[in-house]
Amino acid sequence: MLPQLGVQNSQIVVGKAPKGHAQQPFATDDADVAEYRRWHFETNAEYDFLPHSLYPNLRQFTETIKFSYGVIRHCEVGMDFPLINIFNSSSSGLGNPFGLGDTDFSIKYNFLQERVGSKWPAITASLNIEPPTGSAKAQLGSGLIDYYLNGILQKTLSKGNVLRFNGGATFAGNTVTGAVGIRARGTSFTGGTSLTHQFTSKLDLGLEVYGGYSLNEAAISHALQEQLGGNYELGRKLTLNFGAIVGQKAGSPHYGFQLGFSKDF
């Protein structure tokens, strides 16, 4: 959700834009949370062409659905689940498995809001726990319980320009969603940065670099990708989200495309 400057009182706060922006389509999360006693909904479709190192996996389609709720002020709880379709080589005999992936449960707290005149960025942290609800045999789930902690910094550089940093760690499990992600078990670290610009009252565009590294190099242990994406306001608190991805490591798509919607209630 891209912030705009708004005068509220003598302490001017960088607040949310009045539209349903989210961090989508970026992997780099934003510092904003669902408003108190309000729902936020996201759905995102991603079609990826996978790197040759993942053969016989060729392509993957992922439809992710997410709900979050402002349970107290500056804090949301949420869950999301992916529907995954993996397209394998016809000679592999594996077919094209389709089904529910691993469900993710999260809590996200905004410790510090950004204020005009202050050098401090907005500071937020989130904790995600992902039980293995997807079939590991069909490669739809990891078969592991994942524990992930992420820290978020968000700073408005100038009117319409917002910089975000993420730094996180998976303490157990891995970061795999279907065939995409770091497959190595155990501790891994992720990081990302995005820069977005509000070109018009309805259109935001941005660039992102996101990656990860595992201490266990017995399996795929690196991920690195870049993305160009943005949001377009379709209606009150409703946005269309879109992006194009290029990856360089085995834990990332070779290239992919995203299209989704975000809505605040």
Protein backbone atom coordinates (compact mmCIF):
# COMPACT_ATOMS: atom_id res chain seq x y z
CA MET A 1 0.00 0.00 0.00
CA LEU A 2 1.71 3.15 -1.17
CA PRO A 3 1.63 5.97 1.37
CA GLN A 4 0.66 9.54 0.68
CA LEU A 5 1.33 12.62 2.79
CA GLY A 6 -1.65 13.70 4.85
CA VAL A 7 -2.03 16.39 7.51
CA GLN A 8 -3.81 14.88 10.52
CA ASN A 9 -2.69 17.18 13.35
CA SER A 10 0.48 18.83 14.55
CA GLN A 11 2.16 15.43 14.13
CA ILE A 12 1.92 14.85 10.41
CA VAL A 13 1.75 11.15 9.60
CA VAL A 14 2.54 9.39 6.36
CA GLY A 15 -0.70 7.44 6.01
CA LYS A 16 -2.15 4.92 3.63
CA ALA A 17 -3.42 5.85 0.23
CA PRO A 18 -7.22 5.72 0.02
CA LYS A 19 -7.11 2.80 -2.39
CA GLY A 20 -6.68 -0.95 -1.84
CA HIS A 21 -2.96 -1.13 -2.42
CA ALA A 22 -0.92 -4.00 -1.04
CA GLN A 23 2.64 -5.12 -1.44
CA GLN A 24 1.46 -7.11 -4.45
CA PRO A 25 2.86 -7.91 -6.89
CA PHE A 26 6.19 -7.65 -5.05
CA ALA A 27 7.76 -10.27 -2.80
CA THR A 28 9.15 -7.34 -0.77
CA ASP A 29 6.45 -6.70 1.84
CA ASP A 30 5.25 -3.22 2.84
CA ALA A 31 5.03 -1.83 6.38
CA ASP A 32 1.25 -1.29 6.31
CA VAL A 33 -1.28 -3.56 8.00
CA ALA A 34 -5.04 -3.97 7.71
CA GLU A 35 -6.99 -1.24 9.47
CA TYR A 36 -8.46 -1.99 12.90
CA ARG A 37 -11.53 -4.25 12.55
CA ARG A 38 -11.24 -4.19 8.77
CA TRP A 39 -10.64 -6.99 6.28
CA HIS A 40 -8.10 -7.00 3.46
CA PHE A 41 -8.33 -9.48 0.58
CA GLU A 42 -5.81 -10.35 -2.14
CA THR A 43 -5.79 -12.83 -4.99
CA ASN A 44 -2.86 -13.26 -7.35
CA ALA A 45 -2.21 -15.50 -10.34
CA GLU A 46 1.42 -16.18 -11.29
CA TYR A 47 2.58 -18.16 -14.33
CA ASP A 48 6.25 -19.14 -14.24
CA PHE A 49 8.64 -20.67 -16.74
CA LEU A 50 11.09 -22.66 -14.63
CA PRO A 51 14.89 -22.87 -14.99
CA HIS A 52 16.41 -25.90 -16.75
CA SER A 53 17.93 -27.10 -13.46
CA LEU A 54 14.40 -27.97 -12.23
CA TYR A 55 13.74 -30.41 -15.10
CA PRO A 56 11.39 -32.34 -15.44
CA ASN A 57 9.45 -29.40 -13.92
CA LEU A 58 8.84 -27.03 -16.85
CA ARG A 59 6.23 -24.45 -15.81
CA GLN A 60 4.10 -23.61 -12.80
CA PHE A 61 0.80 -21.80 -12.31
CA THR A 62 0.02 -20.55 -8.79
CA GLU A 63 -3.21 -18.88 -7.67
CA THR A 64 -2.74 -17.43 -4.18
CA ILE A 65 -5.67 -16.25 -2.06
CA LYS A 66 -5.03 -14.21 1.10
CA PHE A 67 -7.21 -12.77 3.86
CA SER A 68 -6.01 -10.49 6.66
CA TYR A 69 -7.86 -8.75 9.49
CA GLY A 70 -6.92 -5.83 11.74
CA VAL A 71 -7.32 -7.58 15.09
CA ILE A 72 -5.95 -4.65 17.14
CA ARG A 73 -4.58 -1.26 16.12
CA HIS A 74 -1.41 -1.57 14.02
CA CYS A 75 -1.66 -5.38 14.01
CA GLU A 76 -3.18 -7.86 11.59
CA VAL A 77 -3.55 -11.61 11.48
CA GLY A 78 -3.91 -13.43 8.20
CA MET A 79 -3.84 -16.61 6.23
CA ASP A 80 -3.20 -17.48 2.62
CA PHE A 81 -3.24 -20.63 0.55
CA PRO A 82 -1.98 -21.39 -2.95
CA LEU A 83 -3.62 -23.50 -5.62
CA ILE A 84 -0.78 -24.95 -7.68
CA ASN A 85 -0.54 -26.58 -11.09
CA ILE A 86 2.90 -27.94 -12.06
CA PHE A 87 3.54 -28.79 -15.70
CA ASN A 88 6.14 -31.54 -16.12
CA SER A 89 7.86 -33.01 -19.16
CA SER A 90 5.58 -35.54 -20.85
CA SER A 91 8.43 -38.07 -20.83
CA SER A 92 8.79 -37.92 -17.04
CA GLY A 93 5.60 -39.84 -16.29
CA LEU A 94 4.84 -37.44 -13.43
CA GLY A 95 1.79 -35.87 -15.02
CA ASN A 96 0.74 -32.33 -14.21
CA PRO A 97 -0.22 -32.28 -10.50
CA PHE A 98 -2.83 -29.79 -9.37
CA GLY A 99 -4.09 -28.98 -5.88
CA LEU A 100 -3.74 -27.08 -2.65
CA GLY A 101 -0.26 -26.09 -1.52
CA ASP A 102 0.91 -25.31 2.01
CA THR A 103 -1.36 -22.94 3.95
CA ASP A 104 0.32 -19.96 5.60
CA PHE A 105 -0.74 -18.30 8.87
CA SER A 106 0.72 -14.91 9.80
CA ILE A 107 0.75 -12.11 12.33
CA LYS A 108 2.11 -8.68 11.37
CA TYR A 109 2.71 -5.69 13.67
CA ASN A 110 3.59 -2.11 12.74
CA PHE A 111 5.86 -0.90 15.57
CA LEU A 112 6.55 2.57 14.20
CA GLN A 113 4.60 4.67 11.70
CA GLU A 114 6.41 7.04 9.37
CA ARG A 115 6.02 10.75 10.14
CA VAL A 116 6.82 13.78 8.03
CA GLY A 117 9.90 15.57 9.34
CA SER A 118 11.29 12.45 10.98
CA LYS A 119 14.26 10.52 9.59
CA TRP A 120 12.87 7.28 10.99
CA PRO A 121 11.21 4.87 8.54
CA ALA A 122 8.10 2.86 9.29
CA ILE A 123 9.13 -0.35 11.07
CA THR A 124 7.10 -3.57 10.92
CA ALA A 125 7.72 -7.25 11.66
CA SER A 126 5.81 -10.37 10.67
CA LEU A 127 5.85 -14.02 11.75
CA ASN A 128 4.64 -16.75 9.40
CA ILE A 129 3.95 -20.39 10.24
CA GLU A 130 3.24 -22.73 7.34
CA PRO A 131 2.02 -26.26 8.09
CA PRO A 132 2.41 -28.91 5.35
CA THR A 133 -1.16 -28.98 4.00
CA GLY A 134 -0.06 -29.68 0.41
CA SER A 135 0.93 -33.08 -0.96
CA ALA A 136 4.69 -33.48 -0.81
CA LYS A 137 4.48 -36.57 -3.05
CA ALA A 138 2.87 -34.49 -5.82
CA GLN A 139 5.37 -31.66 -5.13
CA LEU A 140 2.52 -29.33 -4.15
CA GLY A 141 3.77 -29.02 -0.56
CA SER A 142 7.13 -29.12 1.17
CA GLY A 143 6.20 -31.79 3.73
CA LEU A 144 7.74 -29.52 6.40
CA ILE A 145 6.48 -26.99 8.96
CA ASP A 146 8.03 -23.64 8.04
CA TYR A 147 8.77 -20.85 10.53
CA TYR A 148 9.63 -17.48 9.00
CA LEU A 149 10.35 -14.09 10.60
CA ASN A 150 10.57 -10.94 8.47
CA GLY A 151 11.54 -7.33 9.25
CA ILE A 152 10.31 -4.41 7.13
CA LEU A 153 11.54 -0.82 6.74
CA GLN A 154 9.57 1.66 4.64
CA LYS A 155 10.57 5.26 3.88
CA THR A 156 8.99 7.95 1.70
CA LEU A 157 11.90 9.60 -0.13
CA SER A 158 9.84 12.32 -1.77
CA LYS A 159 6.26 12.80 -2.88
CA GLY A 160 5.19 9.64 -4.66
CA ASN A 161 8.50 7.77 -4.16
CA VAL A 162 8.65 4.98 -1.56
CA LEU A 163 11.62 2.75 -0.70
CA ARG A 164 11.16 -0.56 1.14
CA PHE A 165 13.65 -3.04 2.62
CA ASN A 166 12.98 -6.56 3.90
CA GLY A 167 15.26 -8.91 5.79
CA GLY A 168 14.06 -12.28 7.02
CA ALA A 169 15.00 -15.77 8.10
CA THR A 170 13.40 -19.19 7.84
CA PHE A 171 14.42 -21.01 11.01
CA ALA A 172 12.94 -24.39 10.09
CA GLY A 173 11.49 -25.86 6.92
CA ASN A 174 12.15 -24.18 3.57
CA THR A 175 10.75 -21.50 1.27
CA VAL A 176 9.33 -23.79 -1.44
CA THR A 177 5.93 -23.14 -3.03
CA GLY A 178 5.39 -26.00 -5.45
CA ALA A 179 8.56 -26.26 -7.53
CA VAL A 180 9.68 -22.66 -6.85
CA GLY A 181 11.85 -21.64 -3.90
CA ILE A 182 14.84 -22.69 -1.82
CA ARG A 183 14.57 -26.45 -1.30
CA ALA A 184 17.38 -26.78 1.24
CA ARG A 185 16.07 -27.49 4.74
CA GLY A 186 17.00 -25.51 7.81
CA THR A 187 18.07 -21.91 8.28
CA SER A 188 17.89 -19.66 5.24
CA PHE A 189 17.93 -15.90 4.84
CA THR A 190 15.91 -13.71 2.50
CA GLY A 191 16.14 -10.06 1.57
CA GLY A 192 14.58 -7.65 -0.85
CA THR A 193 14.23 -4.01 -1.77
CA SER A 194 11.66 -2.20 -3.88
CA LEU A 195 11.30 1.36 -5.12
CA THR A 196 7.88 2.52 -6.26
CA HIS A 197 6.67 5.75 -7.84
CA GLN A 198 3.11 7.06 -8.04
CA PHE A 199 2.81 8.31 -11.62
CA THR A 200 -0.87 9.32 -11.42
CA SER A 201 -3.62 9.20 -8.81
CA LYS A 202 -4.46 5.71 -10.08
CA LEU A 203 -1.15 4.24 -11.31
CA ASP A 204 1.92 3.15 -9.33
CA LEU A 205 4.95 1.39 -10.84
CA GLY A 206 8.04 -0.03 -9.21
CA LEU A 207 11.18 -2.14 -9.40
CA GLU A 208 12.24 -4.89 -7.04
CA VAL A 209 15.25 -7.11 -6.33
CA TYR A 210 14.58 -10.10 -4.09
CA GLY A 211 16.63 -13.15 -3.16
CA GLY A 212 17.53 -15.78 -0.60
CA TYR A 213 20.39 -17.96 0.59
CA SER A 214 20.46 -21.16 2.65
CA LEU A 215 23.25 -22.28 4.96
CA ASN A 216 22.53 -25.84 3.82
CA GLU A 217 23.82 -26.27 0.27
CA ALA A 218 22.83 -29.93 -0.05
CA ALA A 219 19.88 -28.91 -2.24
CA ILE A 220 18.81 -25.80 -4.17
CA SER A 221 19.96 -23.06 -1.80
CA HIS A 222 19.90 -19.79 -3.77
CA ALA A 223 17.16 -17.55 -5.14
CA LEU A 224 17.48 -14.23 -6.96
CA GLN A 225 14.97 -12.36 -9.09
CA GLU A 226 14.02 -8.91 -10.32
CA GLN A 227 10.53 -7.64 -11.00
CA LEU A 228 8.87 -4.71 -12.72
CA GLY A 229 5.30 -4.25 -11.53
CA GLY A 230 2.64 -1.96 -10.22
CA ASN A 231 -0.94 -1.26 -9.23
CA TYR A 232 -3.85 0.42 -10.99
CA GLU A 233 -6.90 1.66 -9.10
CA LEU A 234 -10.09 0.17 -10.51
CA GLY A 235 -12.47 1.48 -7.88
CA ARG A 236 -12.73 2.53 -4.25
CA LYS A 237 -10.09 0.53 -2.36
CA LEU A 238 -9.84 -1.93 -5.27
CA THR A 239 -6.67 -2.30 -7.34
CA LEU A 240 -5.38 -4.38 -10.20
CA ASN A 241 -1.83 -5.67 -9.53
CA PHE A 242 0.58 -6.77 -12.27
CA GLY A 243 4.22 -7.71 -12.66
CA ALA A 244 6.90 -9.37 -14.80
CA ILE A 245 9.71 -11.42 -13.20
CA VAL A 246 13.20 -12.40 -14.38
CA GLY A 247 15.24 -14.82 -12.26
CA GLN A 248 18.89 -15.91 -12.22
CA LYS A 249 19.07 -18.71 -9.62
CA ALA A 250 17.51 -22.17 -9.41
CA GLY A 251 15.24 -21.15 -6.53
CA SER A 252 13.56 -18.48 -8.70
CA PRO A 253 11.52 -18.67 -11.91
CA HIS A 254 13.49 -18.24 -15.13
CA TYR A 255 10.81 -15.69 -15.94
CA GLY A 256 7.17 -15.22 -15.03
CA PHE A 257 4.12 -12.99 -15.01
CA GLN A 258 1.65 -11.94 -12.32
CA LEU A 259 -1.88 -10.57 -12.33
CA GLY A 260 -4.09 -10.05 -9.29
CA PHE A 261 -6.51 -7.92 -7.31
CA SER A 262 -6.49 -6.31 -3.84
CA LYS A 263 -9.50 -5.07 -1.91
CA ASP A 264 -10.00 -3.39 1.47
CA PHE A 265 -13.34 -3.84 3.24
